[in-house]
Amino acid sequence: MTGNPTYELQNLDSNEEHFQYAFVTPSGNWKIVEHSFVEKRGERRVYNLGFGDFNIETGELVDDEVFNNGDARLILNTVLSTVPLFFKNNPENALIVQGSDSSDEFPEKCQNSCRKKCEKVCKKQHQRIRIYCNFLDKNFGKLIKEYIFFGLPLSKGSDFEQYVPYNSYRTVLIYKKK
């Protein structure tokens, strides 16, 4: 999806419920990208694109911390490089992208440790989906040749709509064109 430099991916585990990839950064951090089944939409299976650090001690995926080691763009490219892999093996299914910081509970959780001390609106909420949307917005003309995108607006009670670059979304739904 990016065509840019990436870390080397290792295929960890694949079955009908999830597809997992791993890579290691120069700092020694293990990162996991997982496409996990979440629901059916008509005849299509929808998978969530999840990403985080792998905690070797607990064996858990940690997706709510940020480690700034100066390689954010390379990490993003690596995560996004799994999208074509997903659709190569699952062309009839869909992929959903959303940030772990987009939940309604996030602002309260963030307030406990945030140094920004936001008053009314948490500035960190939806930060992760904005990163994905920024990439999509900048590359939209190229990406729509292969994929169809829908966005779930930030306003509550709405449904997915055709993705419009530079609008704000809490979730992006991706289909492979036939």
N, C-alpha and C. Protein backbone atom coordinates (compact mmCIF):
# COMPACT_ATOMS: atom_id res chain seq x y z
N MET A 1 0.82 -1.20 0.00
CA MET A 1 0.00 0.00 0.00
C MET A 1 0.86 1.26 0.00
N THR A 2 2.10 1.14 0.52
CA THR A 2 2.91 2.34 0.59
C THR A 2 3.97 2.42 -0.50
N GLY A 3 4.60 1.30 -0.84
CA GLY A 3 5.70 1.34 -1.79
C GLY A 3 6.94 2.02 -1.22
N ASN A 4 6.94 2.31 0.06
CA ASN A 4 8.04 2.97 0.75
C ASN A 4 8.82 1.95 1.57
N PRO A 5 10.00 2.32 2.07
CA PRO A 5 10.78 1.39 2.89
C PRO A 5 9.99 0.90 4.10
N THR A 6 10.18 -0.37 4.43
CA THR A 6 9.50 -0.99 5.57
C THR A 6 10.48 -1.85 6.33
N TYR A 7 10.09 -2.22 7.54
CA TYR A 7 10.82 -3.26 8.27
C TYR A 7 10.44 -4.60 7.68
N GLU A 8 11.28 -5.59 7.87
CA GLU A 8 11.01 -6.93 7.35
C GLU A 8 9.92 -7.60 8.18
N LEU A 9 8.87 -8.05 7.50
CA LEU A 9 7.74 -8.71 8.17
C LEU A 9 7.96 -10.22 8.26
N GLN A 10 7.49 -10.77 9.37
CA GLN A 10 7.45 -12.22 9.53
C GLN A 10 5.99 -12.62 9.70
N ASN A 11 5.53 -13.60 8.94
CA ASN A 11 4.17 -14.11 9.07
C ASN A 11 4.14 -15.00 10.30
N LEU A 12 3.36 -14.63 11.31
CA LEU A 12 3.31 -15.41 12.55
C LEU A 12 2.26 -16.49 12.53
N ASP A 13 1.03 -16.09 12.29
CA ASP A 13 -0.08 -17.03 12.40
C ASP A 13 -1.21 -16.55 11.52
N SER A 14 -1.81 -17.46 10.79
CA SER A 14 -2.94 -17.11 9.94
C SER A 14 -3.99 -18.21 10.02
N ASN A 15 -5.21 -17.81 10.24
CA ASN A 15 -6.35 -18.71 10.16
C ASN A 15 -7.57 -17.86 9.84
N GLU A 16 -8.74 -18.44 9.87
CA GLU A 16 -9.94 -17.70 9.49
C GLU A 16 -10.28 -16.56 10.45
N GLU A 17 -9.78 -16.62 11.68
CA GLU A 17 -10.09 -15.60 12.68
C GLU A 17 -9.09 -14.46 12.73
N HIS A 18 -7.84 -14.70 12.36
CA HIS A 18 -6.86 -13.62 12.38
C HIS A 18 -5.64 -13.94 11.51
N PHE A 19 -4.95 -12.87 11.16
CA PHE A 19 -3.70 -12.94 10.41
C PHE A 19 -2.71 -12.08 11.16
N GLN A 20 -1.58 -12.67 11.56
CA GLN A 20 -0.62 -11.93 12.37
C GLN A 20 0.73 -11.83 11.67
N TYR A 21 1.32 -10.64 11.80
CA TYR A 21 2.66 -10.38 11.28
C TYR A 21 3.47 -9.74 12.40
N ALA A 22 4.77 -9.96 12.37
CA ALA A 22 5.65 -9.36 13.38
C ALA A 22 6.84 -8.72 12.69
N PHE A 23 7.39 -7.71 13.34
CA PHE A 23 8.66 -7.14 12.90
C PHE A 23 9.37 -6.59 14.12
N VAL A 24 10.68 -6.44 13.98
CA VAL A 24 11.51 -5.95 15.07
C VAL A 24 12.17 -4.66 14.63
N THR A 25 12.11 -3.65 15.50
CA THR A 25 12.75 -2.37 15.21
C THR A 25 14.21 -2.42 15.66
N PRO A 26 15.05 -1.51 15.17
CA PRO A 26 16.45 -1.50 15.61
C PRO A 26 16.62 -1.35 17.13
N SER A 27 15.62 -0.75 17.80
CA SER A 27 15.70 -0.62 19.26
C SER A 27 15.37 -1.93 19.97
N GLY A 28 15.01 -2.96 19.18
CA GLY A 28 14.72 -4.27 19.77
C GLY A 28 13.27 -4.47 20.14
N ASN A 29 12.40 -3.52 19.82
CA ASN A 29 10.98 -3.67 20.12
C ASN A 29 10.31 -4.57 19.10
N TRP A 30 9.57 -5.55 19.59
CA TRP A 30 8.76 -6.41 18.73
C TRP A 30 7.43 -5.73 18.51
N LYS A 31 7.04 -5.61 17.26
CA LYS A 31 5.76 -5.02 16.89
C LYS A 31 4.91 -6.10 16.23
N ILE A 32 3.62 -6.06 16.50
CA ILE A 32 2.68 -7.02 15.94
C ILE A 32 1.61 -6.27 15.16
N VAL A 33 1.33 -6.76 13.96
CA VAL A 33 0.20 -6.28 13.17
C VAL A 33 -0.76 -7.46 13.08
N GLU A 34 -2.01 -7.22 13.44
CA GLU A 34 -2.99 -8.31 13.42
C GLU A 34 -4.26 -7.85 12.72
N HIS A 35 -4.72 -8.68 11.80
CA HIS A 35 -6.02 -8.47 11.17
C HIS A 35 -6.93 -9.52 11.82
N SER A 36 -7.86 -9.06 12.65
CA SER A 36 -8.70 -10.01 13.40
C SER A 36 -10.18 -9.82 13.02
N PHE A 37 -10.86 -10.94 12.89
CA PHE A 37 -12.27 -10.94 12.50
C PHE A 37 -13.11 -10.22 13.55
N VAL A 38 -14.02 -9.32 13.09
CA VAL A 38 -14.89 -8.61 14.02
C VAL A 38 -16.37 -8.82 13.72
N GLU A 39 -16.75 -8.93 12.44
CA GLU A 39 -18.17 -9.06 12.13
C GLU A 39 -18.36 -9.45 10.68
N LYS A 40 -19.60 -9.79 10.35
CA LYS A 40 -19.97 -10.01 8.95
C LYS A 40 -20.83 -8.85 8.51
N ARG A 41 -20.58 -8.36 7.31
CA ARG A 41 -21.41 -7.32 6.66
C ARG A 41 -21.89 -7.95 5.38
N GLY A 42 -23.12 -8.42 5.41
CA GLY A 42 -23.63 -9.17 4.26
C GLY A 42 -22.85 -10.46 4.15
N GLU A 43 -22.29 -10.71 2.99
CA GLU A 43 -21.49 -11.92 2.77
C GLU A 43 -20.01 -11.72 3.09
N ARG A 44 -19.63 -10.50 3.36
CA ARG A 44 -18.21 -10.20 3.61
C ARG A 44 -17.86 -10.33 5.08
N ARG A 45 -16.70 -10.86 5.33
CA ARG A 45 -16.12 -10.88 6.67
C ARG A 45 -15.31 -9.60 6.83
N VAL A 46 -15.47 -8.93 7.96
CA VAL A 46 -14.75 -7.69 8.22
C VAL A 46 -13.71 -7.96 9.31
N TYR A 47 -12.48 -7.52 9.03
CA TYR A 47 -11.36 -7.70 9.94
C TYR A 47 -10.85 -6.34 10.41
N ASN A 48 -10.44 -6.26 11.66
CA ASN A 48 -9.87 -5.06 12.23
C ASN A 48 -8.35 -5.09 12.04
N LEU A 49 -7.78 -3.98 11.61
CA LEU A 49 -6.33 -3.86 11.54
C LEU A 49 -5.86 -3.36 12.89
N GLY A 50 -5.22 -4.23 13.64
CA GLY A 50 -4.68 -3.87 14.95
C GLY A 50 -3.17 -3.83 14.90
N PHE A 51 -2.59 -3.00 15.75
CA PHE A 51 -1.15 -2.85 15.77
C PHE A 51 -0.70 -2.45 17.16
N GLY A 52 0.45 -2.97 17.57
CA GLY A 52 1.00 -2.56 18.84
C GLY A 52 2.33 -3.23 19.13
N ASP A 53 2.85 -2.91 20.29
CA ASP A 53 4.09 -3.52 20.75
C ASP A 53 3.77 -4.86 21.40
N PHE A 54 4.66 -5.82 21.20
CA PHE A 54 4.50 -7.12 21.81
C PHE A 54 5.32 -7.14 23.10
N ASN A 55 4.64 -7.37 24.21
CA ASN A 55 5.30 -7.46 25.50
C ASN A 55 5.76 -8.91 25.69
N ILE A 56 7.05 -9.13 25.58
CA ILE A 56 7.59 -10.49 25.65
C ILE A 56 7.31 -11.14 27.00
N GLU A 57 7.33 -10.35 28.08
CA GLU A 57 7.12 -10.91 29.42
C GLU A 57 5.70 -11.41 29.62
N THR A 58 4.71 -10.67 29.11
CA THR A 58 3.31 -11.05 29.33
C THR A 58 2.70 -11.78 28.13
N GLY A 59 3.35 -11.68 26.98
CA GLY A 59 2.80 -12.29 25.77
C GLY A 59 1.61 -11.52 25.21
N GLU A 60 1.46 -10.26 25.62
CA GLU A 60 0.30 -9.46 25.20
C GLU A 60 0.69 -8.38 24.20
N LEU A 61 -0.29 -7.99 23.40
CA LEU A 61 -0.15 -6.89 22.47
C LEU A 61 -0.57 -5.61 23.20
N VAL A 62 0.31 -4.61 23.21
CA VAL A 62 0.05 -3.35 23.89
C VAL A 62 -0.18 -2.30 22.80
N ASP A 63 -1.44 -1.83 22.68
CA ASP A 63 -1.75 -0.90 21.60
C ASP A 63 -2.13 0.49 22.09
N ASP A 64 -1.88 0.77 23.36
CA ASP A 64 -2.28 2.08 23.88
C ASP A 64 -1.11 2.91 24.41
N GLU A 65 0.11 2.51 24.06
CA GLU A 65 1.28 3.28 24.46
C GLU A 65 1.98 3.79 23.21
N VAL A 66 2.72 4.86 23.35
CA VAL A 66 3.48 5.42 22.24
C VAL A 66 4.95 5.44 22.64
N PHE A 67 5.76 4.80 21.80
CA PHE A 67 7.20 4.81 22.01
C PHE A 67 7.80 5.58 20.85
N ASN A 68 8.35 6.74 21.12
CA ASN A 68 8.88 7.58 20.06
C ASN A 68 10.37 7.32 19.91
N ASN A 69 10.70 6.44 18.96
CA ASN A 69 12.10 6.11 18.70
C ASN A 69 12.59 6.70 17.38
N GLY A 70 11.83 7.65 16.83
CA GLY A 70 12.24 8.31 15.61
C GLY A 70 11.99 7.54 14.33
N ASP A 71 11.26 6.43 14.42
CA ASP A 71 11.01 5.63 13.22
C ASP A 71 9.53 5.48 12.92
N ALA A 72 8.74 6.47 13.29
CA ALA A 72 7.28 6.40 13.14
C ALA A 72 6.86 6.17 11.69
N ARG A 73 7.50 6.87 10.75
CA ARG A 73 7.11 6.73 9.34
C ARG A 73 7.42 5.31 8.84
N LEU A 74 8.56 4.77 9.22
CA LEU A 74 8.93 3.42 8.82
C LEU A 74 7.96 2.39 9.42
N ILE A 75 7.57 2.61 10.65
CA ILE A 75 6.60 1.73 11.30
C ILE A 75 5.25 1.82 10.59
N LEU A 76 4.78 3.04 10.30
CA LEU A 76 3.51 3.20 9.59
C LEU A 76 3.57 2.50 8.23
N ASN A 77 4.66 2.69 7.49
CA ASN A 77 4.81 2.02 6.20
C ASN A 77 4.73 0.51 6.35
N THR A 78 5.34 -0.02 7.40
CA THR A 78 5.34 -1.47 7.62
C THR A 78 3.93 -1.97 7.94
N VAL A 79 3.23 -1.26 8.81
CA VAL A 79 1.85 -1.64 9.15
C VAL A 79 0.98 -1.61 7.89
N LEU A 80 1.09 -0.55 7.11
CA LEU A 80 0.27 -0.42 5.91
C LEU A 80 0.66 -1.42 4.82
N SER A 81 1.89 -1.91 4.86
CA SER A 81 2.30 -2.91 3.87
C SER A 81 1.56 -4.23 4.05
N THR A 82 0.89 -4.41 5.20
CA THR A 82 0.13 -5.65 5.41
C THR A 82 -1.25 -5.59 4.74
N VAL A 83 -1.70 -4.40 4.34
CA VAL A 83 -3.02 -4.28 3.72
C VAL A 83 -3.08 -5.02 2.39
N PRO A 84 -2.13 -4.82 1.46
CA PRO A 84 -2.17 -5.62 0.22
C PRO A 84 -2.02 -7.12 0.48
N LEU A 85 -1.25 -7.49 1.51
CA LEU A 85 -1.12 -8.91 1.86
C LEU A 85 -2.47 -9.47 2.28
N PHE A 86 -3.19 -8.69 3.08
CA PHE A 86 -4.51 -9.12 3.53
C PHE A 86 -5.43 -9.36 2.33
N PHE A 87 -5.50 -8.38 1.43
CA PHE A 87 -6.43 -8.48 0.30
C PHE A 87 -5.97 -9.48 -0.76
N LYS A 88 -4.69 -9.78 -0.81
CA LYS A 88 -4.20 -10.81 -1.74
C LYS A 88 -4.83 -12.16 -1.39
N ASN A 89 -4.95 -12.42 -0.10
CA ASN A 89 -5.50 -13.70 0.37
C ASN A 89 -6.99 -13.62 0.68
N ASN A 90 -7.54 -12.42 0.77
CA ASN A 90 -8.94 -12.22 1.17
C ASN A 90 -9.61 -11.14 0.32
N PRO A 91 -9.63 -11.28 -1.00
CA PRO A 91 -10.13 -10.18 -1.84
C PRO A 91 -11.62 -9.86 -1.65
N GLU A 92 -12.39 -10.79 -1.12
CA GLU A 92 -13.82 -10.57 -0.94
C GLU A 92 -14.17 -10.01 0.43
N ASN A 93 -13.19 -9.94 1.33
CA ASN A 93 -13.44 -9.46 2.67
C ASN A 93 -13.13 -7.97 2.78
N ALA A 94 -13.31 -7.41 3.96
CA ALA A 94 -13.08 -5.99 4.19
C ALA A 94 -12.18 -5.81 5.39
N LEU A 95 -11.56 -4.66 5.45
CA LEU A 95 -10.65 -4.33 6.54
C LEU A 95 -11.11 -3.02 7.15
N ILE A 96 -11.14 -2.99 8.48
CA ILE A 96 -11.55 -1.78 9.19
C ILE A 96 -10.34 -1.25 9.97
N VAL A 97 -10.17 0.06 9.93
CA VAL A 97 -9.04 0.70 10.62
C VAL A 97 -9.62 1.73 11.59
N GLN A 98 -9.21 1.62 12.84
CA GLN A 98 -9.64 2.58 13.85
C GLN A 98 -8.56 2.64 14.92
N GLY A 99 -8.50 3.71 15.65
CA GLY A 99 -7.47 3.86 16.67
C GLY A 99 -7.95 3.40 18.02
N SER A 100 -7.03 2.86 18.82
CA SER A 100 -7.39 2.47 20.18
C SER A 100 -7.72 3.70 21.02
N ASP A 101 -7.43 4.87 20.50
CA ASP A 101 -7.73 6.11 21.21
C ASP A 101 -9.03 6.76 20.73
N SER A 102 -9.85 6.02 20.00
CA SER A 102 -11.11 6.57 19.49
C SER A 102 -12.33 6.15 20.30
N SER A 103 -12.14 5.37 21.33
CA SER A 103 -13.29 4.94 22.13
C SER A 103 -13.85 6.11 22.93
N ASP A 104 -15.11 6.00 23.32
CA ASP A 104 -15.75 7.04 24.12
C ASP A 104 -15.11 7.17 25.51
N GLU A 105 -14.49 6.09 25.99
CA GLU A 105 -13.87 6.07 27.31
C GLU A 105 -12.47 6.66 27.31
N PHE A 106 -11.88 6.84 26.13
CA PHE A 106 -10.48 7.27 26.05
C PHE A 106 -10.20 8.59 26.78
N PRO A 107 -10.99 9.64 26.60
CA PRO A 107 -10.65 10.92 27.27
C PRO A 107 -10.50 10.79 28.78
N GLU A 108 -11.38 10.02 29.40
CA GLU A 108 -11.28 9.85 30.86
C GLU A 108 -10.01 9.11 31.23
N LYS A 109 -9.69 8.08 30.48
CA LYS A 109 -8.47 7.31 30.72
C LYS A 109 -7.24 8.19 30.49
N CYS A 110 -7.29 9.00 29.45
CA CYS A 110 -6.17 9.87 29.10
C CYS A 110 -5.90 10.90 30.20
N GLN A 111 -6.96 11.46 30.78
CA GLN A 111 -6.82 12.49 31.81
C GLN A 111 -5.96 12.04 32.98
N ASN A 112 -5.97 10.74 33.27
CA ASN A 112 -5.22 10.23 34.42
C ASN A 112 -3.71 10.41 34.28
N SER A 113 -3.21 10.41 33.03
CA SER A 113 -1.76 10.49 32.85
C SER A 113 -1.31 11.59 31.90
N CYS A 114 -2.23 12.30 31.31
CA CYS A 114 -1.90 13.28 30.28
C CYS A 114 -1.30 14.55 30.88
N ARG A 115 -0.25 15.05 30.25
CA ARG A 115 0.38 16.28 30.70
C ARG A 115 -0.29 17.51 30.10
N LYS A 116 -1.11 17.32 29.05
CA LYS A 116 -1.75 18.46 28.39
C LYS A 116 -2.91 19.03 29.20
N LYS A 117 -3.53 18.21 30.02
CA LYS A 117 -4.65 18.65 30.87
C LYS A 117 -5.72 19.38 30.06
N CYS A 118 -6.20 18.72 29.01
CA CYS A 118 -7.23 19.29 28.14
C CYS A 118 -8.49 19.57 28.96
N GLU A 119 -9.14 20.66 28.68
CA GLU A 119 -10.33 21.07 29.44
C GLU A 119 -11.60 20.37 28.94
N LYS A 120 -12.04 20.69 27.73
CA LYS A 120 -13.31 20.17 27.24
C LYS A 120 -13.16 19.03 26.25
N VAL A 121 -12.18 19.12 25.37
CA VAL A 121 -11.99 18.11 24.33
C VAL A 121 -10.59 17.54 24.45
N CYS A 122 -10.50 16.22 24.53
CA CYS A 122 -9.21 15.55 24.60
C CYS A 122 -8.51 15.66 23.25
N LYS A 123 -7.35 16.29 23.24
CA LYS A 123 -6.62 16.50 21.99
C LYS A 123 -5.98 15.21 21.48
N LYS A 124 -5.82 14.24 22.35
CA LYS A 124 -5.21 12.97 21.92
C LYS A 124 -6.24 11.98 21.37
N GLN A 125 -7.53 12.23 21.64
CA GLN A 125 -8.55 11.31 21.14
C GLN A 125 -8.56 11.36 19.61
N HIS A 126 -8.63 10.21 18.98
CA HIS A 126 -8.66 10.03 17.53
C HIS A 126 -7.32 10.34 16.87
N GLN A 127 -6.27 10.49 17.65
CA GLN A 127 -4.96 10.82 17.11
C GLN A 127 -4.46 9.73 16.15
N ARG A 128 -4.67 8.48 16.49
CA ARG A 128 -4.15 7.38 15.66
C ARG A 128 -4.88 7.26 14.33
N ILE A 129 -6.20 7.40 14.34
CA ILE A 129 -6.93 7.32 13.07
C ILE A 129 -6.58 8.52 12.19
N ARG A 130 -6.26 9.65 12.82
CA ARG A 130 -5.84 10.82 12.02
C ARG A 130 -4.54 10.53 11.27
N ILE A 131 -3.65 9.76 11.87
CA ILE A 131 -2.39 9.40 11.20
C ILE A 131 -2.71 8.57 9.95
N TYR A 132 -3.59 7.56 10.10
CA TYR A 132 -3.96 6.74 8.95
C TYR A 132 -4.69 7.58 7.90
N CYS A 133 -5.60 8.43 8.34
CA CYS A 133 -6.35 9.27 7.39
C CYS A 133 -5.44 10.26 6.68
N ASN A 134 -4.44 10.81 7.37
CA ASN A 134 -3.49 11.71 6.72
C ASN A 134 -2.77 10.99 5.58
N PHE A 135 -2.35 9.75 5.84
CA PHE A 135 -1.71 8.96 4.79
C PHE A 135 -2.69 8.74 3.63
N LEU A 136 -3.91 8.35 3.96
CA LEU A 136 -4.92 8.10 2.94
C LEU A 136 -5.22 9.36 2.14
N ASP A 137 -5.38 10.48 2.81
CA ASP A 137 -5.66 11.75 2.14
C ASP A 137 -4.56 12.11 1.13
N LYS A 138 -3.30 11.95 1.54
CA LYS A 138 -2.18 12.31 0.68
C LYS A 138 -2.03 11.37 -0.51
N ASN A 139 -2.50 10.13 -0.37
CA ASN A 139 -2.32 9.12 -1.42
C ASN A 139 -3.63 8.67 -2.03
N PHE A 140 -4.70 9.41 -1.78
CA PHE A 140 -6.05 8.99 -2.16
C PHE A 140 -6.18 8.70 -3.66
N GLY A 141 -5.68 9.58 -4.50
CA GLY A 141 -5.81 9.40 -5.95
C GLY A 141 -5.21 8.10 -6.44
N LYS A 142 -4.10 7.70 -5.85
CA LYS A 142 -3.44 6.45 -6.22
C LYS A 142 -4.17 5.24 -5.62
N LEU A 143 -4.59 5.36 -4.36
CA LEU A 143 -5.18 4.22 -3.66
C LEU A 143 -6.58 3.85 -4.16
N ILE A 144 -7.35 4.83 -4.65
CA ILE A 144 -8.71 4.51 -5.10
C ILE A 144 -8.72 3.71 -6.40
N LYS A 145 -7.57 3.53 -7.00
CA LYS A 145 -7.48 2.66 -8.18
C LYS A 145 -7.63 1.20 -7.79
N GLU A 146 -7.27 0.87 -6.56
CA GLU A 146 -7.32 -0.52 -6.09
C GLU A 146 -8.33 -0.76 -4.98
N TYR A 147 -8.68 0.29 -4.23
CA TYR A 147 -9.50 0.11 -3.04
C TYR A 147 -10.69 1.07 -3.04
N ILE A 148 -11.72 0.68 -2.28
CA ILE A 148 -12.88 1.53 -2.04
C ILE A 148 -12.87 1.85 -0.54
N PHE A 149 -13.05 3.12 -0.20
CA PHE A 149 -12.96 3.56 1.19
C PHE A 149 -14.27 4.17 1.65
N PHE A 150 -14.63 3.82 2.89
CA PHE A 150 -15.77 4.43 3.56
C PHE A 150 -15.27 4.95 4.90
N GLY A 151 -15.87 6.02 5.39
CA GLY A 151 -15.49 6.57 6.68
C GLY A 151 -16.68 6.65 7.61
N LEU A 152 -16.44 6.42 8.87
CA LEU A 152 -17.45 6.59 9.90
C LEU A 152 -17.16 7.94 10.57
N PRO A 153 -18.03 8.93 10.35
CA PRO A 153 -17.78 10.27 10.89
C PRO A 153 -17.67 10.28 12.42
N LEU A 154 -17.03 11.31 12.93
CA LEU A 154 -16.87 11.45 14.38
C LEU A 154 -18.19 11.61 15.10
N SER A 155 -19.19 12.19 14.43
CA SER A 155 -20.48 12.40 15.08
C SER A 155 -21.14 11.06 15.39
N LYS A 156 -21.71 10.97 16.56
CA LYS A 156 -22.34 9.72 17.01
C LYS A 156 -23.66 9.50 16.27
N GLY A 157 -24.03 8.25 16.12
CA GLY A 157 -25.30 7.91 15.51
C GLY A 157 -25.26 7.88 13.99
N SER A 158 -24.10 8.18 13.42
CA SER A 158 -24.01 8.17 11.97
C SER A 158 -23.56 6.79 11.49
N ASP A 159 -23.65 6.59 10.18
CA ASP A 159 -23.24 5.34 9.57
C ASP A 159 -22.10 5.63 8.60
N PHE A 160 -21.49 4.58 8.09
CA PHE A 160 -20.41 4.75 7.13
C PHE A 160 -20.90 5.52 5.91
N GLU A 161 -20.03 6.37 5.40
CA GLU A 161 -20.30 7.13 4.19
C GLU A 161 -19.10 7.00 3.27
N GLN A 162 -19.29 7.32 2.00
CA GLN A 162 -18.15 7.33 1.07
C GLN A 162 -17.07 8.23 1.64
N TYR A 163 -15.84 7.74 1.67
CA TYR A 163 -14.73 8.50 2.25
C TYR A 163 -14.47 9.75 1.41
N VAL A 164 -14.35 10.87 2.10
CA VAL A 164 -14.03 12.14 1.46
C VAL A 164 -12.72 12.62 2.09
N PRO A 165 -11.67 12.79 1.28
CA PRO A 165 -10.39 13.24 1.84
C PRO A 165 -10.55 14.52 2.65
N TYR A 166 -9.79 14.57 3.73
CA TYR A 166 -9.70 15.71 4.64
C TYR A 166 -10.93 15.91 5.52
N ASN A 167 -11.89 14.99 5.48
CA ASN A 167 -12.96 14.98 6.48
C ASN A 167 -12.44 14.23 7.69
N SER A 168 -13.11 14.36 8.82
CA SER A 168 -12.69 13.68 10.05
C SER A 168 -13.53 12.43 10.27
N TYR A 169 -12.82 11.32 10.51
CA TYR A 169 -13.48 10.03 10.72
C TYR A 169 -12.94 9.35 11.97
N ARG A 170 -13.77 8.49 12.56
CA ARG A 170 -13.32 7.69 13.69
C ARG A 170 -12.92 6.30 13.25
N THR A 171 -13.38 5.89 12.06
CA THR A 171 -13.10 4.56 11.52
C THR A 171 -13.09 4.65 10.00
N VAL A 172 -12.23 3.83 9.38
CA VAL A 172 -12.19 3.72 7.92
C VAL A 172 -12.41 2.26 7.56
N LEU A 173 -13.29 2.03 6.59
CA LEU A 173 -13.60 0.68 6.10
C LEU A 173 -13.07 0.57 4.68
N ILE A 174 -12.31 -0.50 4.41
CA ILE A 174 -11.63 -0.66 3.12
C ILE A 174 -12.10 -1.94 2.44
N TYR A 175 -12.43 -1.83 1.16
CA TYR A 175 -12.75 -2.96 0.29
C TYR A 175 -11.77 -2.96 -0.87
N LYS A 176 -11.44 -4.13 -1.36
CA LYS A 176 -10.60 -4.27 -2.55
C LYS A 176 -11.52 -4.20 -3.76
N LYS A 177 -11.13 -3.41 -4.76
CA LYS A 177 -11.91 -3.36 -6.00
C LYS A 177 -11.74 -4.68 -6.73
N LYS A 178 -12.79 -5.06 -7.45
CA LYS A 178 -12.72 -6.32 -8.22
C LYS A 178 -12.04 -6.11 -9.54
